[in-house]
């Protein structure tokens, strides 16, 4: 079965968190919200949640 756009975006977001050593924070803070947004096909909600997460954890080196 082919992955949906939301599933592909979710995987990319989690991969970003892994690459930037923020996967624990990602899993604790927004994993559940992103999963709900993904199941509701709320791409805008996923993007907003992830954008906020990135800004919250950025020290200027991630962006």
Protein backbone atom coordinates (compact mmCIF):
# COMPACT_ATOMS: atom_id res chain seq x y z
CA UNK A 1 0.00 0.00 0.00
CA UNK A 2 1.37 3.40 -0.98
CA UNK A 3 2.01 5.98 1.70
CA UNK A 4 -0.13 9.07 1.81
CA UNK A 5 1.29 12.56 1.53
CA UNK A 6 0.68 13.06 5.26
CA UNK A 7 2.55 9.85 6.13
CA UNK A 8 5.51 10.90 3.99
CA UNK A 9 5.59 14.34 5.61
CA UNK A 10 5.34 12.83 9.08
CA UNK A 11 8.33 10.58 8.35
CA UNK A 12 10.32 13.56 7.06
CA UNK A 13 9.53 15.54 10.22
CA UNK A 14 10.61 12.70 12.49
CA UNK A 15 13.77 12.15 10.43
CA UNK A 16 14.60 15.84 10.85
CA UNK A 17 14.20 15.42 14.63
CA UNK A 18 16.48 12.36 14.60
CA UNK A 19 19.13 14.15 12.54
CA UNK A 20 19.10 17.11 14.94
CA UNK A 21 19.16 14.91 18.05
CA UNK A 22 15.71 16.08 19.13
CA UNK A 23 13.84 12.82 18.66
CA UNK A 24 13.14 12.35 22.39
CA UNK A 25 11.64 15.83 22.62
CA UNK A 26 9.76 15.23 19.37
CA UNK A 27 8.27 11.98 20.68
CA UNK A 28 7.30 13.54 24.02
CA UNK A 29 5.99 16.88 22.79
CA UNK A 30 4.27 16.52 19.42
CA UNK A 31 4.22 12.92 18.23
CA UNK A 32 0.64 12.34 19.43
CA UNK A 33 -0.61 15.65 17.97
CA UNK A 34 1.03 14.98 14.62
CA UNK A 35 -0.44 11.48 14.55
CA UNK A 36 -3.94 12.85 15.18
CA UNK A 37 -3.47 15.54 12.53
CA UNK A 38 -2.15 12.94 10.08
CA UNK A 39 -5.12 10.63 10.64
CA UNK A 40 -7.46 13.61 10.12
CA UNK A 41 -5.50 14.59 6.99
CA UNK A 42 -4.83 17.98 8.59
CA UNK A 43 -1.62 18.86 6.76
CA UNK A 44 -1.80 22.50 7.86
CA UNK A 45 -2.05 21.41 11.49
CA UNK A 46 0.94 19.10 11.07
CA UNK A 47 2.99 21.88 9.50
CA UNK A 48 2.05 24.39 12.19
CA UNK A 49 2.85 21.99 15.03
CA UNK A 50 6.19 21.03 13.52
CA UNK A 51 7.10 24.63 12.71
CA UNK A 52 6.40 25.64 16.29
CA UNK A 53 8.46 22.69 17.56
CA UNK A 54 11.42 23.68 15.38
CA UNK A 55 11.29 27.31 16.49
CA UNK A 56 10.94 26.31 20.13
CA UNK A 57 14.04 24.08 19.99
CA UNK A 58 16.16 26.06 17.59
CA UNK A 59 19.29 27.80 18.72
CA UNK A 60 19.75 29.36 15.32
CA UNK A 61 21.78 26.41 14.13
CA UNK A 62 18.87 24.30 12.96
CA UNK A 63 17.24 26.78 10.60
